[in-house]
Structures are given as structure tokens and as C-alpha cells.
Amino acid sequence: MNPIRVRGFLDIFGAWDPSLAFVMAGAVGVATVGVRIMRHLSRPVLDTEFHLPAARRIDGRLIGGTALFGIGWGMAGFCPGPALASLPLGLPAVAAFVVTMALGMTVHDRLVVRSK
């Protein structure tokens, strides 16, 4: 929940801070356990089916979306989960990030998802 750590992690040619790599490794470990458990279940506990992505191709939209996410992550130092978790801190920059993120998600939903 500290944007300075994110910027330090992304600054590989400067004062690189590798501590975020340990957070990522922990997240990958937890996700790996979750996926292994999921494979043994017929359905989720709170839903009727798993909603997994069907597309497996790497296309321009995927690359563009991930690049846009990475640029935003590097500029703001937040990704959606930590930004939401940081809202109770009451920092104006966090609130601005969450509002613009929600606005971007709404615009994407209205212009891209519903046009299909």
C-alpha cells in the first residue's frame, strides 16, 4: 500500500527495491494453491460455475491492456486491490486513483464490452 515501493521496484536502472518481488512470489504461491484446490471442485462455493477466461491467444488487445495497466501502475504506484485497501487512509491521491479507475472501468464497459 506504499506507492514508493512500487516505483522503487520498477526503477531497475536506479535505486532498485526488490522487496515487491517477495510480495509477488507470495501472491503467486497463494494463487497456485487456490488453482490446485479449484481443479478438484465441481463448482465454487458461492457460485454455480467457475468464470475462467476462454481466450488463450495473446493479441493486440491483451498486450495493449497490459501495457496500459503497467503504465498506470508505474505512474500511480497502485493497482486496484491495494488502492481499494488504501481508501480508509483518507488520502486524496488514493481517492482520485479509485475514482478515475472506476470511471475507466465504466467507460470500458460502455464502449468496449457492450459493443460486442
N, C-alpha and C. Protein backbone atom coordinates (compact mmCIF):
# COMPACT_ATOMS: atom_id res chain seq x y z
N MET A 1 0.81 -1.19 0.00
CA MET A 1 0.00 0.00 0.00
C MET A 1 0.86 1.25 0.00
N ASN A 2 2.13 1.09 -0.37
CA ASN A 2 3.01 2.24 -0.43
C ASN A 2 3.49 2.42 -1.87
N PRO A 3 3.00 3.44 -2.57
CA PRO A 3 3.38 3.64 -3.97
C PRO A 3 4.88 3.81 -4.17
N ILE A 4 5.58 4.28 -3.18
CA ILE A 4 7.03 4.47 -3.31
C ILE A 4 7.73 3.12 -3.52
N ARG A 5 7.21 2.08 -2.89
CA ARG A 5 7.79 0.74 -3.08
C ARG A 5 7.58 0.26 -4.51
N VAL A 6 6.42 0.55 -5.08
CA VAL A 6 6.15 0.15 -6.46
C VAL A 6 7.11 0.87 -7.39
N ARG A 7 7.24 2.17 -7.21
CA ARG A 7 8.16 2.93 -8.06
C ARG A 7 9.60 2.44 -7.88
N GLY A 8 9.98 2.10 -6.66
CA GLY A 8 11.32 1.57 -6.41
C GLY A 8 11.54 0.24 -7.10
N PHE A 9 10.49 -0.58 -7.14
CA PHE A 9 10.60 -1.89 -7.81
C PHE A 9 10.73 -1.71 -9.31
N LEU A 10 10.03 -0.74 -9.87
CA LEU A 10 10.07 -0.51 -11.32
C LEU A 10 11.33 0.23 -11.76
N ASP A 11 12.06 0.83 -10.85
CA ASP A 11 13.26 1.60 -11.18
C ASP A 11 14.47 0.67 -11.22
N ILE A 12 14.50 -0.22 -12.21
CA ILE A 12 15.56 -1.24 -12.25
C ILE A 12 16.92 -0.66 -12.62
N PHE A 13 16.96 0.52 -13.21
CA PHE A 13 18.25 1.12 -13.56
C PHE A 13 18.69 2.17 -12.53
N GLY A 14 17.90 2.35 -11.47
CA GLY A 14 18.23 3.34 -10.44
C GLY A 14 18.39 2.66 -9.09
N ALA A 15 17.70 3.18 -8.12
CA ALA A 15 17.73 2.63 -6.75
C ALA A 15 16.69 1.53 -6.65
N TRP A 16 16.98 0.38 -7.26
CA TRP A 16 16.01 -0.72 -7.35
C TRP A 16 15.71 -1.30 -5.97
N ASP A 17 14.42 -1.46 -5.67
CA ASP A 17 13.96 -2.05 -4.41
C ASP A 17 13.27 -3.37 -4.74
N PRO A 18 13.94 -4.51 -4.49
CA PRO A 18 13.36 -5.80 -4.87
C PRO A 18 12.30 -6.33 -3.90
N SER A 19 11.95 -5.58 -2.87
CA SER A 19 11.05 -6.13 -1.84
C SER A 19 9.68 -6.52 -2.41
N LEU A 20 9.23 -5.82 -3.45
CA LEU A 20 7.93 -6.16 -4.03
C LEU A 20 7.95 -7.54 -4.69
N ALA A 21 9.10 -8.00 -5.11
CA ALA A 21 9.20 -9.34 -5.71
C ALA A 21 8.79 -10.40 -4.71
N PHE A 22 9.07 -10.19 -3.45
CA PHE A 22 8.68 -11.17 -2.43
C PHE A 22 7.16 -11.17 -2.24
N VAL A 23 6.55 -10.00 -2.34
CA VAL A 23 5.08 -9.91 -2.27
C VAL A 23 4.48 -10.67 -3.45
N MET A 24 5.05 -10.44 -4.64
CA MET A 24 4.55 -11.13 -5.83
C MET A 24 4.73 -12.64 -5.72
N ALA A 25 5.87 -13.07 -5.22
CA ALA A 25 6.11 -14.51 -5.05
C ALA A 25 5.10 -15.10 -4.07
N GLY A 26 4.80 -14.39 -3.02
CA GLY A 26 3.79 -14.87 -2.07
C GLY A 26 2.42 -14.96 -2.72
N ALA A 27 2.07 -13.97 -3.55
CA ALA A 27 0.78 -13.98 -4.23
C ALA A 27 0.70 -15.14 -5.22
N VAL A 28 1.79 -15.38 -5.94
CA VAL A 28 1.79 -16.50 -6.89
C VAL A 28 1.65 -17.82 -6.13
N GLY A 29 2.30 -17.94 -5.00
CA GLY A 29 2.19 -19.15 -4.20
C GLY A 29 0.76 -19.39 -3.72
N VAL A 30 0.12 -18.36 -3.22
CA VAL A 30 -1.27 -18.48 -2.75
C VAL A 30 -2.19 -18.81 -3.93
N ALA A 31 -1.99 -18.16 -5.07
CA ALA A 31 -2.82 -18.42 -6.25
C ALA A 31 -2.62 -19.85 -6.75
N THR A 32 -1.39 -20.34 -6.70
CA THR A 32 -1.12 -21.70 -7.13
C THR A 32 -1.88 -22.71 -6.28
N VAL A 33 -1.89 -22.49 -4.99
CA VAL A 33 -2.64 -23.38 -4.09
C VAL A 33 -4.14 -23.29 -4.42
N GLY A 34 -4.64 -22.06 -4.64
CA GLY A 34 -6.06 -21.88 -4.97
C GLY A 34 -6.45 -22.58 -6.26
N VAL A 35 -5.60 -22.50 -7.28
CA VAL A 35 -5.90 -23.16 -8.56
C VAL A 35 -5.90 -24.67 -8.39
N ARG A 36 -4.97 -25.17 -7.62
CA ARG A 36 -4.93 -26.63 -7.39
C ARG A 36 -6.18 -27.11 -6.66
N ILE A 37 -6.64 -26.34 -5.70
CA ILE A 37 -7.88 -26.69 -4.99
C ILE A 37 -9.07 -26.60 -5.95
N MET A 38 -9.10 -25.54 -6.77
CA MET A 38 -10.21 -25.35 -7.73
C MET A 38 -10.34 -26.54 -8.66
N ARG A 39 -9.24 -27.09 -9.09
CA ARG A 39 -9.29 -28.21 -10.04
C ARG A 39 -9.97 -29.45 -9.45
N HIS A 40 -10.07 -29.54 -8.16
CA HIS A 40 -10.71 -30.68 -7.52
C HIS A 40 -12.17 -30.41 -7.17
N LEU A 41 -12.65 -29.18 -7.44
CA LEU A 41 -14.03 -28.83 -7.12
C LEU A 41 -14.90 -28.85 -8.38
N SER A 42 -16.15 -29.22 -8.24
CA SER A 42 -17.06 -29.20 -9.39
C SER A 42 -17.59 -27.80 -9.65
N ARG A 43 -17.66 -26.96 -8.61
CA ARG A 43 -18.12 -25.58 -8.74
C ARG A 43 -17.61 -24.78 -7.55
N PRO A 44 -17.63 -23.44 -7.65
CA PRO A 44 -17.21 -22.63 -6.50
C PRO A 44 -18.21 -22.76 -5.35
N VAL A 45 -17.81 -22.39 -4.19
CA VAL A 45 -18.67 -22.49 -3.01
C VAL A 45 -19.83 -21.50 -3.11
N LEU A 46 -19.61 -20.29 -3.65
CA LEU A 46 -20.63 -19.25 -3.66
C LEU A 46 -21.16 -18.93 -5.06
N ASP A 47 -20.97 -19.81 -6.03
CA ASP A 47 -21.47 -19.57 -7.38
C ASP A 47 -21.80 -20.92 -8.00
N THR A 48 -22.47 -20.88 -9.15
CA THR A 48 -22.86 -22.13 -9.80
C THR A 48 -21.79 -22.68 -10.73
N GLU A 49 -20.86 -21.82 -11.17
CA GLU A 49 -19.79 -22.28 -12.05
C GLU A 49 -18.57 -21.36 -11.91
N PHE A 50 -17.42 -21.87 -12.34
CA PHE A 50 -16.21 -21.05 -12.37
C PHE A 50 -16.27 -20.17 -13.62
N HIS A 51 -15.85 -18.93 -13.52
CA HIS A 51 -15.83 -17.99 -14.64
C HIS A 51 -14.38 -17.76 -15.04
N LEU A 52 -13.86 -18.67 -15.83
CA LEU A 52 -12.47 -18.59 -16.26
C LEU A 52 -12.40 -18.01 -17.66
N PRO A 53 -11.33 -17.30 -17.99
CA PRO A 53 -11.22 -16.75 -19.34
C PRO A 53 -11.12 -17.87 -20.38
N ALA A 54 -11.88 -17.72 -21.47
CA ALA A 54 -11.88 -18.73 -22.52
C ALA A 54 -10.78 -18.46 -23.55
N ALA A 55 -10.43 -17.20 -23.75
CA ALA A 55 -9.42 -16.84 -24.75
C ALA A 55 -8.04 -17.22 -24.26
N ARG A 56 -7.27 -17.82 -25.13
CA ARG A 56 -5.90 -18.21 -24.77
C ARG A 56 -4.87 -17.57 -25.69
N ARG A 57 -5.35 -16.81 -26.69
CA ARG A 57 -4.44 -16.14 -27.62
C ARG A 57 -3.91 -14.85 -27.04
N ILE A 58 -2.66 -14.56 -27.32
CA ILE A 58 -2.09 -13.26 -26.96
C ILE A 58 -2.23 -12.37 -28.19
N ASP A 59 -3.11 -11.37 -28.08
CA ASP A 59 -3.37 -10.50 -29.22
C ASP A 59 -3.06 -9.05 -28.85
N GLY A 60 -3.30 -8.17 -29.79
CA GLY A 60 -3.01 -6.75 -29.59
C GLY A 60 -3.79 -6.13 -28.44
N ARG A 61 -5.04 -6.54 -28.29
CA ARG A 61 -5.85 -6.00 -27.19
C ARG A 61 -5.28 -6.39 -25.83
N LEU A 62 -4.83 -7.65 -25.71
CA LEU A 62 -4.25 -8.09 -24.45
C LEU A 62 -2.95 -7.34 -24.16
N ILE A 63 -2.11 -7.22 -25.17
CA ILE A 63 -0.84 -6.51 -24.98
C ILE A 63 -1.09 -5.03 -24.66
N GLY A 64 -2.03 -4.42 -25.39
CA GLY A 64 -2.35 -3.02 -25.13
C GLY A 64 -2.92 -2.81 -23.73
N GLY A 65 -3.80 -3.70 -23.32
CA GLY A 65 -4.39 -3.58 -21.98
C GLY A 65 -3.37 -3.76 -20.88
N THR A 66 -2.47 -4.74 -21.05
CA THR A 66 -1.46 -4.95 -20.02
C THR A 66 -0.47 -3.79 -19.99
N ALA A 67 -0.15 -3.25 -21.16
CA ALA A 67 0.75 -2.08 -21.20
C ALA A 67 0.11 -0.89 -20.50
N LEU A 68 -1.17 -0.68 -20.78
CA LEU A 68 -1.89 0.43 -20.15
C LEU A 68 -1.95 0.25 -18.63
N PHE A 69 -2.21 -0.99 -18.20
CA PHE A 69 -2.22 -1.28 -16.77
C PHE A 69 -0.85 -1.00 -16.16
N GLY A 70 0.21 -1.46 -16.82
CA GLY A 70 1.56 -1.27 -16.29
C GLY A 70 1.96 0.19 -16.22
N ILE A 71 1.58 0.95 -17.24
CA ILE A 71 1.88 2.38 -17.23
C ILE A 71 1.17 3.07 -16.07
N GLY A 72 -0.11 2.75 -15.91
CA GLY A 72 -0.87 3.32 -14.79
C GLY A 72 -0.32 2.90 -13.45
N TRP A 73 0.09 1.65 -13.34
CA TRP A 73 0.67 1.14 -12.09
C TRP A 73 1.96 1.88 -11.77
N GLY A 74 2.79 2.07 -12.80
CA GLY A 74 4.05 2.77 -12.58
C GLY A 74 3.87 4.24 -12.26
N MET A 75 2.88 4.87 -12.91
CA MET A 75 2.65 6.30 -12.66
C MET A 75 2.05 6.54 -11.27
N ALA A 76 1.05 5.73 -10.90
CA ALA A 76 0.34 5.97 -9.65
C ALA A 76 0.95 5.19 -8.48
N GLY A 77 1.59 4.08 -8.79
CA GLY A 77 2.14 3.25 -7.71
C GLY A 77 1.09 2.37 -7.06
N PHE A 78 -0.08 2.27 -7.68
CA PHE A 78 -1.16 1.44 -7.15
C PHE A 78 -1.67 0.51 -8.24
N CYS A 79 -2.17 -0.63 -7.82
CA CYS A 79 -3.03 -1.43 -8.67
C CYS A 79 -4.38 -1.50 -7.93
N PRO A 80 -5.42 -2.02 -8.56
CA PRO A 80 -6.76 -1.89 -7.98
C PRO A 80 -6.91 -2.38 -6.54
N GLY A 81 -6.42 -3.56 -6.24
CA GLY A 81 -6.62 -4.10 -4.88
C GLY A 81 -6.00 -3.24 -3.79
N PRO A 82 -4.71 -2.95 -3.87
CA PRO A 82 -4.11 -2.07 -2.86
C PRO A 82 -4.73 -0.68 -2.81
N ALA A 83 -5.19 -0.17 -3.96
CA ALA A 83 -5.84 1.14 -3.95
C ALA A 83 -7.12 1.10 -3.13
N LEU A 84 -7.93 0.05 -3.34
CA LEU A 84 -9.16 -0.07 -2.55
C LEU A 84 -8.84 -0.27 -1.08
N ALA A 85 -7.81 -1.05 -0.79
CA ALA A 85 -7.44 -1.28 0.61
C ALA A 85 -6.90 -0.02 1.27
N SER A 86 -6.39 0.91 0.45
CA SER A 86 -5.82 2.16 0.98
C SER A 86 -6.85 3.26 1.17
N LEU A 87 -8.06 3.05 0.67
CA LEU A 87 -9.09 4.09 0.81
C LEU A 87 -9.31 4.56 2.25
N PRO A 88 -9.33 3.66 3.24
CA PRO A 88 -9.56 4.13 4.61
C PRO A 88 -8.48 5.07 5.14
N LEU A 89 -7.33 5.16 4.46
CA LEU A 89 -6.29 6.09 4.89
C LEU A 89 -6.73 7.54 4.68
N GLY A 90 -7.70 7.74 3.78
CA GLY A 90 -8.24 9.08 3.56
C GLY A 90 -7.32 10.00 2.77
N LEU A 91 -6.42 9.45 2.00
CA LEU A 91 -5.50 10.27 1.21
C LEU A 91 -6.18 10.70 -0.09
N PRO A 92 -6.13 11.99 -0.41
CA PRO A 92 -6.78 12.46 -1.65
C PRO A 92 -6.26 11.77 -2.91
N ALA A 93 -4.97 11.47 -2.97
CA ALA A 93 -4.42 10.82 -4.17
C ALA A 93 -5.01 9.43 -4.35
N VAL A 94 -5.23 8.71 -3.26
CA VAL A 94 -5.82 7.37 -3.35
C VAL A 94 -7.26 7.48 -3.83
N ALA A 95 -8.01 8.40 -3.25
CA ALA A 95 -9.40 8.59 -3.67
C ALA A 95 -9.47 8.97 -5.15
N ALA A 96 -8.57 9.85 -5.59
CA ALA A 96 -8.56 10.24 -7.00
C ALA A 96 -8.25 9.04 -7.89
N PHE A 97 -7.31 8.20 -7.46
CA PHE A 97 -6.97 7.00 -8.24
C PHE A 97 -8.18 6.09 -8.34
N VAL A 98 -8.86 5.83 -7.23
CA VAL A 98 -10.01 4.91 -7.24
C VAL A 98 -11.15 5.47 -8.09
N VAL A 99 -11.40 6.76 -7.99
CA VAL A 99 -12.48 7.37 -8.80
C VAL A 99 -12.15 7.27 -10.29
N THR A 100 -10.92 7.59 -10.66
CA THR A 100 -10.55 7.51 -12.08
C THR A 100 -10.52 6.06 -12.57
N MET A 101 -10.12 5.14 -11.69
CA MET A 101 -10.14 3.72 -12.05
C MET A 101 -11.58 3.27 -12.32
N ALA A 102 -12.50 3.64 -11.43
CA ALA A 102 -13.90 3.27 -11.62
C ALA A 102 -14.46 3.92 -12.88
N LEU A 103 -14.07 5.15 -13.14
CA LEU A 103 -14.51 5.83 -14.36
C LEU A 103 -13.99 5.10 -15.60
N GLY A 104 -12.73 4.73 -15.59
CA GLY A 104 -12.15 3.99 -16.71
C GLY A 104 -12.82 2.64 -16.92
N MET A 105 -13.13 1.94 -15.83
CA MET A 105 -13.81 0.65 -15.94
C MET A 105 -15.22 0.84 -16.52
N THR A 106 -15.89 1.91 -16.12
CA THR A 106 -17.24 2.18 -16.62
C THR A 106 -17.20 2.51 -18.11
N VAL A 107 -16.26 3.36 -18.50
CA VAL A 107 -16.12 3.72 -19.92
C VAL A 107 -15.81 2.48 -20.74
N HIS A 108 -14.89 1.64 -20.25
CA HIS A 108 -14.57 0.39 -20.96
C HIS A 108 -15.80 -0.48 -21.10
N ASP A 109 -16.57 -0.59 -20.04
CA ASP A 109 -17.78 -1.41 -20.08
C ASP A 109 -18.77 -0.87 -21.10
N ARG A 110 -18.96 0.43 -21.12
CA ARG A 110 -19.95 1.04 -22.02
C ARG A 110 -19.49 1.01 -23.49
N LEU A 111 -18.20 1.25 -23.74
CA LEU A 111 -17.73 1.38 -25.11
C LEU A 111 -17.21 0.09 -25.72
N VAL A 112 -16.56 -0.75 -24.93
CA VAL A 112 -15.90 -1.93 -25.49
C VAL A 112 -16.72 -3.19 -25.26
N VAL A 113 -17.06 -3.47 -24.03
CA VAL A 113 -17.72 -4.74 -23.71
C VAL A 113 -19.11 -4.80 -24.32
N ARG A 114 -19.88 -3.74 -24.20
CA ARG A 114 -21.26 -3.76 -24.71
C ARG A 114 -21.35 -3.63 -26.22
N SER A 115 -20.27 -3.21 -26.89
CA SER A 115 -20.31 -3.10 -28.34
C SER A 115 -20.10 -4.45 -29.02
N LYS A 116 -19.74 -5.46 -28.28
CA LYS A 116 -19.52 -6.80 -28.86
C LYS A 116 -20.82 -7.52 -29.09
